[in-house]
């Protein structure tokens, strides 16, 4: 019964987070949507951030699983890497009414990184790194530190999420093409020209 109530709270919170964002969503609203008092929510979750983690983790895993399938369907390294980066930097940040922004919004309000967020970040970086090695074959490229590259790619994800929230218009395709060229070097089939590519919104 308790698990069922947790799921009810999580689903109500997810709808509110997607509709109005993390900051604007109040515990009282989540409680009202589940026919509870705000005080009773704390029987099931320690904080609004804990509720966000409850829904964000499976949401992001689902997004990454879907992206992995699309990446694996590509026929060569360049196309796989392009598909990975477009998914991470454009599609997931914009999915479900920019829901990815909710976690960045939540963490920006904290004075220090909470352990669950640090553990989750490590989990995501490992997943991205594994997919990167699988689709690009970085284990054979001694000059590339795949762990650091996956961290860089995921940090860029945060930036693209924030930029999307701010309404910035970035040329994702040009940025992805540049990154593919940097990672694959001479192995990239058709190197695009980047002269004049602006990164400002």
N, C-alpha and C. Protein backbone atom coordinates (compact mmCIF):
# COMPACT_ATOMS: atom_id res chain seq x y z
N UNK A 1 0.82 -1.20 0.00
CA UNK A 1 0.00 0.00 0.00
C UNK A 1 0.86 1.25 0.00
N UNK A 2 1.96 1.20 0.81
CA UNK A 2 2.85 2.34 0.86
C UNK A 2 3.51 2.58 -0.50
N UNK A 3 3.93 1.49 -1.17
CA UNK A 3 4.55 1.63 -2.49
C UNK A 3 3.56 2.22 -3.48
N UNK A 4 2.30 1.81 -3.39
CA UNK A 4 1.29 2.36 -4.27
C UNK A 4 1.12 3.84 -4.07
N UNK A 5 1.18 4.30 -2.85
CA UNK A 5 1.03 5.73 -2.56
C UNK A 5 2.25 6.49 -3.06
N UNK A 6 3.42 5.92 -2.91
CA UNK A 6 4.63 6.56 -3.44
C UNK A 6 4.51 6.75 -4.95
N UNK A 7 4.02 5.74 -5.63
CA UNK A 7 3.86 5.83 -7.08
C UNK A 7 2.83 6.90 -7.44
N UNK A 8 1.77 6.99 -6.67
CA UNK A 8 0.75 8.01 -6.91
C UNK A 8 1.34 9.41 -6.75
N UNK A 9 2.11 9.59 -5.68
CA UNK A 9 2.76 10.89 -5.44
C UNK A 9 3.73 11.21 -6.58
N UNK A 10 4.52 10.22 -6.97
CA UNK A 10 5.51 10.43 -8.02
C UNK A 10 4.84 10.83 -9.33
N UNK A 11 3.76 10.16 -9.69
CA UNK A 11 3.09 10.47 -10.95
C UNK A 11 2.45 11.85 -10.93
N UNK A 12 1.88 12.22 -9.80
CA UNK A 12 1.30 13.55 -9.68
C UNK A 12 2.39 14.62 -9.77
N UNK A 13 3.50 14.36 -9.10
CA UNK A 13 4.61 15.32 -9.13
C UNK A 13 5.19 15.44 -10.53
N UNK A 14 5.33 14.31 -11.23
CA UNK A 14 5.86 14.34 -12.59
C UNK A 14 5.02 15.24 -13.48
N UNK A 15 3.71 15.10 -13.41
CA UNK A 15 2.82 15.94 -14.23
C UNK A 15 3.00 17.41 -13.89
N UNK A 16 3.13 17.73 -12.62
CA UNK A 16 3.33 19.12 -12.21
C UNK A 16 4.69 19.64 -12.63
N UNK A 17 5.74 18.85 -12.44
CA UNK A 17 7.09 19.26 -12.83
C UNK A 17 7.15 19.54 -14.34
N UNK A 18 6.51 18.68 -15.12
CA UNK A 18 6.55 18.86 -16.57
C UNK A 18 5.73 20.07 -17.00
N UNK A 19 4.65 20.34 -16.29
CA UNK A 19 3.80 21.46 -16.68
C UNK A 19 4.34 22.81 -16.22
N UNK A 20 4.89 22.88 -15.01
CA UNK A 20 5.26 24.20 -14.49
C UNK A 20 6.68 24.29 -13.95
N UNK A 21 7.44 23.20 -14.03
CA UNK A 21 8.83 23.25 -13.59
C UNK A 21 8.98 22.88 -12.13
N UNK A 22 10.24 22.67 -11.73
CA UNK A 22 10.52 22.23 -10.36
C UNK A 22 10.25 23.33 -9.34
N UNK A 23 10.80 24.51 -9.59
CA UNK A 23 10.71 25.58 -8.60
C UNK A 23 9.27 26.00 -8.36
N UNK A 24 8.49 26.13 -9.42
CA UNK A 24 7.11 26.60 -9.28
C UNK A 24 6.20 25.57 -8.66
N UNK A 25 6.61 24.31 -8.68
CA UNK A 25 5.79 23.25 -8.09
C UNK A 25 6.00 23.23 -6.57
N UNK A 26 4.93 23.33 -5.84
CA UNK A 26 4.98 23.34 -4.37
C UNK A 26 4.52 21.99 -3.82
N UNK A 27 5.05 21.67 -2.67
CA UNK A 27 4.65 20.41 -2.03
C UNK A 27 3.14 20.39 -1.79
N UNK A 28 2.56 21.53 -1.48
CA UNK A 28 1.11 21.59 -1.26
C UNK A 28 0.34 21.21 -2.52
N UNK A 29 0.87 21.57 -3.69
CA UNK A 29 0.22 21.20 -4.94
C UNK A 29 0.30 19.70 -5.19
N UNK A 30 1.47 19.13 -4.90
CA UNK A 30 1.62 17.68 -5.05
C UNK A 30 0.67 16.97 -4.09
N UNK A 31 0.58 17.47 -2.86
CA UNK A 31 -0.32 16.87 -1.88
C UNK A 31 -1.77 16.95 -2.34
N UNK A 32 -2.16 18.10 -2.84
CA UNK A 32 -3.54 18.27 -3.29
C UNK A 32 -3.87 17.32 -4.44
N UNK A 33 -2.90 17.11 -5.31
CA UNK A 33 -3.13 16.23 -6.46
C UNK A 33 -3.24 14.77 -6.05
N UNK A 34 -2.82 14.44 -4.83
CA UNK A 34 -2.88 13.06 -4.35
C UNK A 34 -3.81 12.91 -3.16
N UNK A 35 -4.63 13.95 -2.91
CA UNK A 35 -5.60 13.92 -1.80
C UNK A 35 -4.93 13.65 -0.45
N UNK A 36 -3.80 14.36 -0.25
CA UNK A 36 -3.07 14.23 1.01
C UNK A 36 -2.80 15.63 1.55
N UNK A 37 -2.32 15.68 2.77
CA UNK A 37 -1.79 16.94 3.30
C UNK A 37 -0.31 17.00 2.96
N UNK A 38 0.25 18.21 2.91
CA UNK A 38 1.67 18.35 2.62
C UNK A 38 2.51 17.63 3.67
N UNK A 39 2.06 17.67 4.92
CA UNK A 39 2.81 17.00 5.99
C UNK A 39 2.87 15.49 5.75
N UNK A 40 1.81 14.92 5.21
CA UNK A 40 1.79 13.47 4.97
C UNK A 40 2.75 13.05 3.85
N UNK A 41 3.08 13.98 2.95
CA UNK A 41 4.03 13.64 1.89
C UNK A 41 5.37 13.21 2.46
N UNK A 42 5.74 13.81 3.60
CA UNK A 42 7.05 13.54 4.18
C UNK A 42 7.14 12.14 4.81
N UNK A 43 6.00 11.45 4.91
CA UNK A 43 6.03 10.05 5.33
C UNK A 43 6.65 9.20 4.22
N UNK A 44 6.47 9.67 2.98
CA UNK A 44 6.90 8.90 1.81
C UNK A 44 8.19 9.43 1.18
N UNK A 45 8.41 10.74 1.26
CA UNK A 45 9.59 11.36 0.66
C UNK A 45 10.13 12.43 1.61
N UNK A 46 11.46 12.50 1.70
CA UNK A 46 12.09 13.47 2.60
C UNK A 46 11.98 14.91 2.11
N UNK A 47 11.86 15.08 0.79
CA UNK A 47 11.88 16.43 0.22
C UNK A 47 11.30 16.42 -1.19
N UNK A 48 11.10 17.59 -1.71
CA UNK A 48 10.64 17.71 -3.09
C UNK A 48 11.72 17.19 -4.04
N UNK A 49 13.00 17.39 -3.70
CA UNK A 49 14.08 16.88 -4.52
C UNK A 49 14.05 15.35 -4.56
N UNK A 50 13.74 14.73 -3.43
CA UNK A 50 13.65 13.26 -3.40
C UNK A 50 12.55 12.77 -4.32
N UNK A 51 11.45 13.50 -4.39
CA UNK A 51 10.37 13.13 -5.31
C UNK A 51 10.85 13.28 -6.75
N UNK A 52 11.59 14.36 -7.01
CA UNK A 52 12.11 14.57 -8.36
C UNK A 52 13.01 13.42 -8.79
N UNK A 53 13.92 13.00 -7.90
CA UNK A 53 14.79 11.87 -8.22
C UNK A 53 13.97 10.62 -8.53
N UNK A 54 12.90 10.43 -7.79
CA UNK A 54 12.06 9.24 -7.97
C UNK A 54 11.52 9.15 -9.40
N UNK A 55 11.24 10.32 -9.99
CA UNK A 55 10.67 10.30 -11.36
C UNK A 55 11.73 10.59 -12.43
N UNK A 56 12.78 11.33 -12.06
CA UNK A 56 13.77 11.74 -13.06
C UNK A 56 14.66 10.57 -13.48
N UNK A 57 15.08 9.78 -12.52
CA UNK A 57 15.99 8.66 -12.84
C UNK A 57 15.38 7.70 -13.87
N UNK A 58 14.17 7.16 -13.64
CA UNK A 58 13.62 6.26 -14.65
C UNK A 58 13.30 6.97 -15.97
N UNK A 59 12.93 8.26 -15.88
CA UNK A 59 12.67 9.02 -17.11
C UNK A 59 13.93 9.11 -17.95
N UNK A 60 15.05 9.47 -17.31
CA UNK A 60 16.30 9.62 -18.05
C UNK A 60 16.80 8.27 -18.56
N UNK A 61 16.66 7.22 -17.76
CA UNK A 61 17.08 5.89 -18.22
C UNK A 61 16.29 5.48 -19.46
N UNK A 62 15.00 5.78 -19.46
CA UNK A 62 14.17 5.45 -20.64
C UNK A 62 14.64 6.23 -21.86
N UNK A 63 14.95 7.51 -21.66
CA UNK A 63 15.45 8.34 -22.76
C UNK A 63 16.77 7.78 -23.29
N UNK A 64 17.68 7.41 -22.39
CA UNK A 64 18.98 6.90 -22.81
C UNK A 64 18.86 5.53 -23.48
N UNK A 65 17.95 4.69 -22.99
CA UNK A 65 17.73 3.39 -23.62
C UNK A 65 17.23 3.55 -25.06
N UNK A 66 16.29 4.48 -25.24
CA UNK A 66 15.76 4.73 -26.58
C UNK A 66 16.85 5.27 -27.50
N UNK A 67 17.66 6.19 -26.96
CA UNK A 67 18.75 6.75 -27.76
C UNK A 67 19.76 5.66 -28.11
N UNK A 68 20.06 4.78 -27.18
CA UNK A 68 21.02 3.70 -27.44
C UNK A 68 20.57 2.85 -28.62
N UNK A 69 19.27 2.55 -28.66
CA UNK A 69 18.74 1.74 -29.78
C UNK A 69 18.91 2.46 -31.10
N UNK A 70 18.68 3.77 -31.11
CA UNK A 70 18.84 4.55 -32.34
C UNK A 70 20.31 4.62 -32.76
N UNK A 71 21.20 4.75 -31.78
CA UNK A 71 22.63 4.82 -32.06
C UNK A 71 23.11 3.50 -32.67
N UNK A 72 22.70 2.39 -32.08
CA UNK A 72 23.13 1.07 -32.54
C UNK A 72 22.60 0.73 -33.92
N UNK A 73 21.54 1.42 -34.34
CA UNK A 73 20.96 1.16 -35.66
C UNK A 73 21.76 1.82 -36.78
N UNK A 74 22.69 2.71 -36.44
CA UNK A 74 23.49 3.39 -37.46
C UNK A 74 24.58 2.45 -37.99
N UNK A 75 25.01 2.73 -39.20
CA UNK A 75 25.89 1.77 -39.89
C UNK A 75 27.39 2.01 -39.73
N UNK A 76 27.78 3.21 -39.33
CA UNK A 76 29.22 3.45 -39.18
C UNK A 76 29.50 4.33 -37.98
N UNK A 77 30.77 4.43 -37.61
CA UNK A 77 31.16 5.16 -36.40
C UNK A 77 30.74 6.61 -36.43
N UNK A 78 30.93 7.26 -37.56
CA UNK A 78 30.60 8.68 -37.64
C UNK A 78 29.11 8.89 -37.42
N UNK A 79 28.28 8.09 -38.08
CA UNK A 79 26.84 8.24 -37.94
C UNK A 79 26.39 7.90 -36.52
N UNK A 80 27.02 6.89 -35.91
CA UNK A 80 26.66 6.55 -34.54
C UNK A 80 26.99 7.69 -33.59
N UNK A 81 28.18 8.27 -33.75
CA UNK A 81 28.56 9.37 -32.87
C UNK A 81 27.67 10.58 -33.08
N UNK A 82 27.37 10.90 -34.34
CA UNK A 82 26.45 12.01 -34.62
C UNK A 82 25.10 11.79 -33.95
N UNK A 83 24.59 10.56 -34.09
CA UNK A 83 23.27 10.26 -33.52
C UNK A 83 23.28 10.37 -32.01
N UNK A 84 24.36 9.92 -31.38
CA UNK A 84 24.50 10.02 -29.93
C UNK A 84 24.48 11.47 -29.48
N UNK A 85 25.26 12.30 -30.13
CA UNK A 85 25.38 13.70 -29.71
C UNK A 85 24.09 14.49 -29.97
N UNK A 86 23.46 14.26 -31.11
CA UNK A 86 22.19 14.95 -31.38
C UNK A 86 21.15 14.54 -30.34
N UNK A 87 21.14 13.27 -29.99
CA UNK A 87 20.19 12.82 -28.97
C UNK A 87 20.44 13.45 -27.62
N UNK A 88 21.72 13.48 -27.22
CA UNK A 88 22.05 14.03 -25.90
C UNK A 88 21.93 15.54 -25.83
N UNK A 89 22.22 16.22 -26.91
CA UNK A 89 22.29 17.67 -26.86
C UNK A 89 21.05 18.38 -27.40
N UNK A 90 20.20 17.66 -28.14
CA UNK A 90 19.02 18.29 -28.70
C UNK A 90 17.72 17.58 -28.30
N UNK A 91 17.67 16.28 -28.50
CA UNK A 91 16.40 15.57 -28.31
C UNK A 91 16.03 15.39 -26.84
N UNK A 92 16.95 14.88 -26.02
CA UNK A 92 16.62 14.68 -24.60
C UNK A 92 16.39 16.01 -23.88
N UNK A 93 17.20 17.05 -24.12
CA UNK A 93 16.90 18.33 -23.47
C UNK A 93 15.51 18.88 -23.80
N UNK A 94 14.99 18.56 -24.98
CA UNK A 94 13.68 19.08 -25.37
C UNK A 94 12.52 18.14 -25.10
N UNK A 95 12.82 16.92 -24.65
CA UNK A 95 11.76 15.92 -24.47
C UNK A 95 10.83 16.26 -23.32
N UNK A 96 9.58 15.92 -23.48
CA UNK A 96 8.57 16.07 -22.42
C UNK A 96 8.59 17.46 -21.79
N UNK A 97 8.39 18.44 -22.65
CA UNK A 97 8.32 19.85 -22.20
C UNK A 97 9.58 20.27 -21.44
N UNK A 98 10.75 19.90 -21.99
CA UNK A 98 12.03 20.28 -21.41
C UNK A 98 12.19 19.78 -19.97
N UNK A 99 11.71 18.57 -19.71
CA UNK A 99 11.73 18.03 -18.35
C UNK A 99 13.14 17.92 -17.79
N UNK A 100 14.14 17.73 -18.64
CA UNK A 100 15.53 17.62 -18.16
C UNK A 100 15.95 18.83 -17.35
N UNK A 101 15.33 19.98 -17.62
CA UNK A 101 15.68 21.19 -16.90
C UNK A 101 15.31 21.12 -15.42
N UNK A 102 14.34 20.27 -15.07
CA UNK A 102 13.88 20.20 -13.68
C UNK A 102 15.02 19.86 -12.72
N UNK A 103 15.87 18.91 -13.10
CA UNK A 103 16.96 18.53 -12.20
C UNK A 103 17.99 19.64 -12.08
N UNK A 104 18.33 20.29 -13.18
CA UNK A 104 19.29 21.40 -13.12
C UNK A 104 18.73 22.52 -12.26
N UNK A 105 17.44 22.81 -12.44
CA UNK A 105 16.76 23.81 -11.64
C UNK A 105 16.84 23.45 -10.15
N UNK A 106 16.60 22.19 -9.84
CA UNK A 106 16.62 21.74 -8.45
C UNK A 106 18.01 21.84 -7.84
N UNK A 107 19.02 21.36 -8.57
CA UNK A 107 20.38 21.35 -8.03
C UNK A 107 20.95 22.76 -7.91
N UNK A 108 20.50 23.66 -8.77
CA UNK A 108 20.99 25.05 -8.70
C UNK A 108 20.57 25.73 -7.40
N UNK A 109 19.55 25.22 -6.76
CA UNK A 109 19.05 25.81 -5.52
C UNK A 109 19.74 25.26 -4.28
N UNK A 110 20.56 24.23 -4.45
CA UNK A 110 21.22 23.62 -3.31
C UNK A 110 22.58 24.29 -3.06
N UNK A 111 22.94 24.40 -1.80
CA UNK A 111 24.23 25.00 -1.45
C UNK A 111 25.39 24.04 -1.73
N UNK A 112 25.14 22.77 -1.61
CA UNK A 112 26.18 21.77 -1.86
C UNK A 112 25.55 20.58 -2.56
N UNK A 113 26.36 19.87 -3.33
CA UNK A 113 25.85 18.71 -4.05
C UNK A 113 25.46 17.62 -3.06
N UNK A 114 24.26 17.12 -3.21
CA UNK A 114 23.80 16.02 -2.36
C UNK A 114 24.38 14.72 -2.89
N UNK A 115 24.59 13.76 -2.01
CA UNK A 115 25.19 12.49 -2.40
C UNK A 115 24.38 11.78 -3.49
N UNK A 116 23.03 11.76 -3.39
CA UNK A 116 22.29 11.09 -4.47
C UNK A 116 22.54 11.68 -5.85
N UNK A 117 22.70 13.02 -5.93
CA UNK A 117 22.93 13.63 -7.23
C UNK A 117 24.31 13.26 -7.75
N UNK A 118 25.31 13.20 -6.85
CA UNK A 118 26.65 12.83 -7.25
C UNK A 118 26.68 11.38 -7.75
N UNK A 119 26.00 10.49 -7.02
CA UNK A 119 25.96 9.09 -7.42
C UNK A 119 25.24 8.93 -8.75
N UNK A 120 24.17 9.66 -8.92
CA UNK A 120 23.41 9.58 -10.17
C UNK A 120 24.23 10.12 -11.34
N UNK A 121 24.95 11.22 -11.12
CA UNK A 121 25.82 11.77 -12.16
C UNK A 121 26.85 10.73 -12.59
N UNK A 122 27.46 10.06 -11.62
CA UNK A 122 28.45 9.03 -11.95
C UNK A 122 27.82 7.90 -12.76
N UNK A 123 26.62 7.50 -12.38
CA UNK A 123 25.91 6.44 -13.08
C UNK A 123 25.66 6.83 -14.54
N UNK A 124 25.24 8.07 -14.75
CA UNK A 124 24.96 8.53 -16.12
C UNK A 124 26.24 8.61 -16.94
N UNK A 125 27.31 9.13 -16.33
CA UNK A 125 28.57 9.24 -17.05
C UNK A 125 29.10 7.87 -17.46
N UNK A 126 28.94 6.88 -16.59
CA UNK A 126 29.36 5.52 -16.93
C UNK A 126 28.54 4.99 -18.09
N UNK A 127 27.22 5.24 -18.06
CA UNK A 127 26.34 4.77 -19.14
C UNK A 127 26.71 5.43 -20.46
N UNK A 128 26.93 6.74 -20.43
CA UNK A 128 27.31 7.47 -21.65
C UNK A 128 28.67 6.99 -22.14
N UNK A 129 29.60 6.77 -21.22
CA UNK A 129 30.92 6.30 -21.60
C UNK A 129 30.88 4.93 -22.25
N UNK A 130 30.05 4.03 -21.70
CA UNK A 130 29.92 2.70 -22.27
C UNK A 130 29.34 2.76 -23.68
N UNK A 131 28.34 3.60 -23.85
CA UNK A 131 27.73 3.74 -25.18
C UNK A 131 28.71 4.37 -26.15
N UNK A 132 29.49 5.32 -25.67
CA UNK A 132 30.50 5.97 -26.50
C UNK A 132 31.54 4.96 -26.98
N UNK A 133 32.02 4.11 -26.07
CA UNK A 133 33.00 3.08 -26.46
C UNK A 133 32.39 2.09 -27.44
N UNK A 134 31.14 1.75 -27.19
CA UNK A 134 30.48 0.78 -28.06
C UNK A 134 30.27 1.32 -29.47
N UNK A 135 29.84 2.57 -29.57
CA UNK A 135 29.47 3.08 -30.90
C UNK A 135 30.65 3.69 -31.65
N UNK A 136 31.71 4.09 -30.95
CA UNK A 136 32.84 4.73 -31.61
C UNK A 136 34.09 3.86 -31.55
N UNK A 137 34.15 2.94 -30.60
CA UNK A 137 35.33 2.09 -30.49
C UNK A 137 36.52 2.81 -29.89
N UNK A 138 36.28 3.64 -28.88
CA UNK A 138 37.38 4.43 -28.31
C UNK A 138 38.41 3.59 -27.58
N UNK A 139 38.07 2.32 -27.26
CA UNK A 139 39.05 1.50 -26.55
C UNK A 139 40.32 1.31 -27.38
N UNK A 140 40.21 1.53 -28.68
CA UNK A 140 41.38 1.38 -29.53
C UNK A 140 42.10 2.69 -29.81
N UNK A 141 41.58 3.78 -29.28
CA UNK A 141 42.19 5.09 -29.53
C UNK A 141 42.90 5.56 -28.28
N UNK A 142 44.21 5.32 -28.23
CA UNK A 142 44.98 5.61 -27.03
C UNK A 142 45.02 7.10 -26.71
N UNK A 143 44.81 7.96 -27.72
CA UNK A 143 44.92 9.39 -27.49
C UNK A 143 43.65 9.98 -26.88
N UNK A 144 42.59 9.17 -26.75
CA UNK A 144 41.32 9.67 -26.23
C UNK A 144 41.04 9.03 -24.88
N UNK A 145 40.84 9.86 -23.87
CA UNK A 145 40.43 9.38 -22.55
C UNK A 145 38.91 9.32 -22.58
N UNK A 146 38.35 8.12 -22.76
CA UNK A 146 36.91 8.01 -22.96
C UNK A 146 36.13 8.42 -21.72
N UNK A 147 36.68 8.22 -20.52
CA UNK A 147 35.99 8.65 -19.30
C UNK A 147 35.86 10.17 -19.26
N UNK A 148 36.96 10.85 -19.60
CA UNK A 148 36.91 12.32 -19.60
C UNK A 148 36.03 12.83 -20.74
N UNK A 149 36.05 12.15 -21.87
CA UNK A 149 35.22 12.56 -22.99
C UNK A 149 33.74 12.41 -22.65
N UNK A 150 33.37 11.32 -22.01
CA UNK A 150 31.97 11.15 -21.64
C UNK A 150 31.55 12.19 -20.62
N UNK A 151 32.44 12.57 -19.71
CA UNK A 151 32.14 13.63 -18.74
C UNK A 151 31.95 14.96 -19.46
N UNK A 152 32.81 15.25 -20.42
CA UNK A 152 32.69 16.49 -21.20
C UNK A 152 31.36 16.53 -21.96
N UNK A 153 31.00 15.41 -22.59
CA UNK A 153 29.75 15.34 -23.34
C UNK A 153 28.56 15.54 -22.42
N UNK A 154 28.61 14.94 -21.22
CA UNK A 154 27.49 15.08 -20.30
C UNK A 154 27.43 16.49 -19.70
N UNK A 155 28.56 17.11 -19.45
CA UNK A 155 28.55 18.51 -18.99
C UNK A 155 27.95 19.42 -20.05
N UNK A 156 28.26 19.12 -21.31
CA UNK A 156 27.66 19.90 -22.40
C UNK A 156 26.15 19.70 -22.43
N UNK A 157 25.68 18.49 -22.09
CA UNK A 157 24.25 18.23 -21.99
C UNK A 157 23.59 19.24 -21.06
N UNK A 158 24.19 19.45 -19.88
CA UNK A 158 23.64 20.42 -18.93
C UNK A 158 23.53 21.80 -19.56
N UNK A 159 24.56 22.19 -20.30
CA UNK A 159 24.55 23.50 -20.95
C UNK A 159 23.46 23.62 -21.99
N UNK A 160 23.26 22.57 -22.78
CA UNK A 160 22.21 22.61 -23.79
C UNK A 160 20.82 22.61 -23.16
N UNK A 161 20.67 21.93 -22.02
CA UNK A 161 19.40 21.95 -21.30
C UNK A 161 19.08 23.37 -20.84
N UNK A 162 20.07 24.04 -20.24
CA UNK A 162 19.87 25.41 -19.77
C UNK A 162 19.59 26.34 -20.94
N UNK A 163 20.36 26.18 -22.01
CA UNK A 163 20.18 27.04 -23.18
C UNK A 163 18.77 26.89 -23.76
N UNK A 164 18.27 25.66 -23.77
CA UNK A 164 16.92 25.43 -24.30
C UNK A 164 15.90 26.14 -23.42
N UNK A 165 16.10 26.10 -22.11
CA UNK A 165 15.20 26.77 -21.17
C UNK A 165 15.20 28.28 -21.41
N UNK A 166 16.36 28.81 -21.76
CA UNK A 166 16.48 30.25 -22.00
C UNK A 166 16.02 30.65 -23.40
N UNK A 167 15.69 29.68 -24.22
CA UNK A 167 15.20 29.98 -25.56
C UNK A 167 16.30 30.26 -26.56
N UNK A 168 17.53 29.88 -26.23
CA UNK A 168 18.64 30.10 -27.15
C UNK A 168 18.55 29.20 -28.37
N UNK A 169 18.99 29.71 -29.50
CA UNK A 169 18.97 28.93 -30.75
C UNK A 169 20.41 28.57 -31.11
N UNK A 170 20.81 27.36 -30.81
CA UNK A 170 22.16 26.89 -31.11
C UNK A 170 22.13 26.04 -32.38
N UNK A 171 23.21 26.11 -33.13
CA UNK A 171 23.32 25.29 -34.33
C UNK A 171 23.86 23.93 -33.91
N UNK A 172 22.97 23.06 -33.44
CA UNK A 172 23.38 21.76 -32.92
C UNK A 172 24.13 20.95 -33.97
N UNK A 173 23.62 20.94 -35.20
CA UNK A 173 24.25 20.13 -36.24
C UNK A 173 25.70 20.54 -36.48
N UNK A 174 25.96 21.85 -36.49
CA UNK A 174 27.33 22.33 -36.71
C UNK A 174 28.23 21.98 -35.53
N UNK A 175 27.69 22.09 -34.31
CA UNK A 175 28.47 21.75 -33.12
C UNK A 175 28.76 20.26 -33.09
N UNK A 176 27.76 19.45 -33.43
CA UNK A 176 27.94 18.00 -33.48
C UNK A 176 28.98 17.64 -34.53
N UNK A 177 28.90 18.27 -35.71
CA UNK A 177 29.87 17.99 -36.77
C UNK A 177 31.29 18.31 -36.31
N UNK A 178 31.45 19.41 -35.58
CA UNK A 178 32.77 19.78 -35.07
C UNK A 178 33.26 18.75 -34.06
N UNK A 179 32.38 18.31 -33.18
CA UNK A 179 32.77 17.33 -32.16
C UNK A 179 33.14 16.00 -32.80
N UNK A 180 32.38 15.58 -33.81
CA UNK A 180 32.70 14.34 -34.51
C UNK A 180 34.08 14.43 -35.14
N UNK A 181 34.38 15.56 -35.74
CA UNK A 181 35.69 15.75 -36.37
C UNK A 181 36.80 15.71 -35.33
N UNK A 182 36.56 16.34 -34.17
CA UNK A 182 37.58 16.35 -33.12
C UNK A 182 37.83 14.95 -32.56
N UNK A 183 36.75 14.17 -32.40
CA UNK A 183 36.89 12.84 -31.81
C UNK A 183 37.45 11.83 -32.81
N UNK A 184 36.91 11.83 -34.02
CA UNK A 184 37.31 10.82 -35.00
C UNK A 184 38.50 11.24 -35.85
N UNK A 185 38.76 12.53 -35.90
CA UNK A 185 39.90 13.03 -36.65
C UNK A 185 39.86 12.61 -38.10
N UNK A 186 40.94 12.03 -38.56
CA UNK A 186 41.06 11.67 -39.98
C UNK A 186 40.09 10.56 -40.37
N UNK A 187 39.51 9.87 -39.37
CA UNK A 187 38.59 8.79 -39.68
C UNK A 187 37.21 9.29 -40.08
N UNK A 188 36.91 10.57 -39.78
CA UNK A 188 35.60 11.11 -40.16
C UNK A 188 35.53 11.18 -41.67
N UNK A 189 34.46 10.69 -42.25
CA UNK A 189 34.35 10.57 -43.71
C UNK A 189 34.38 11.91 -44.43
N UNK A 190 33.45 12.76 -44.12
CA UNK A 190 33.38 14.04 -44.84
C UNK A 190 33.49 15.15 -43.83
N UNK A 191 34.66 15.72 -43.74
CA UNK A 191 34.88 16.76 -42.74
C UNK A 191 34.16 18.05 -43.14
N UNK A 192 33.24 18.55 -42.31
CA UNK A 192 32.57 19.80 -42.62
C UNK A 192 33.48 20.98 -42.37
N UNK A 193 33.23 22.07 -43.05
CA UNK A 193 33.98 23.29 -42.80
C UNK A 193 33.27 24.07 -41.71
N UNK A 194 34.08 24.58 -40.77
CA UNK A 194 33.48 25.24 -39.61
C UNK A 194 33.75 26.74 -39.60
N UNK A 195 34.33 27.25 -40.62
CA UNK A 195 34.61 28.69 -40.65
C UNK A 195 33.32 29.46 -40.55
N UNK A 196 33.30 30.40 -39.62
CA UNK A 196 32.14 31.27 -39.50
C UNK A 196 31.02 30.70 -38.66
N UNK A 197 31.22 29.50 -38.08
CA UNK A 197 30.17 28.92 -37.24
C UNK A 197 30.17 29.63 -35.91
N UNK A 198 29.06 30.27 -35.59
CA UNK A 198 28.96 31.01 -34.33
C UNK A 198 28.28 30.17 -33.29
N UNK A 199 28.74 30.27 -32.05
CA UNK A 199 28.14 29.49 -30.97
C UNK A 199 27.27 30.36 -30.08
N UNK A 200 27.13 31.60 -30.39
CA UNK A 200 26.29 32.45 -29.56
C UNK A 200 24.83 32.26 -29.90
N UNK A 201 23.99 32.46 -28.88
CA UNK A 201 22.56 32.31 -29.10
C UNK A 201 22.07 33.44 -29.98
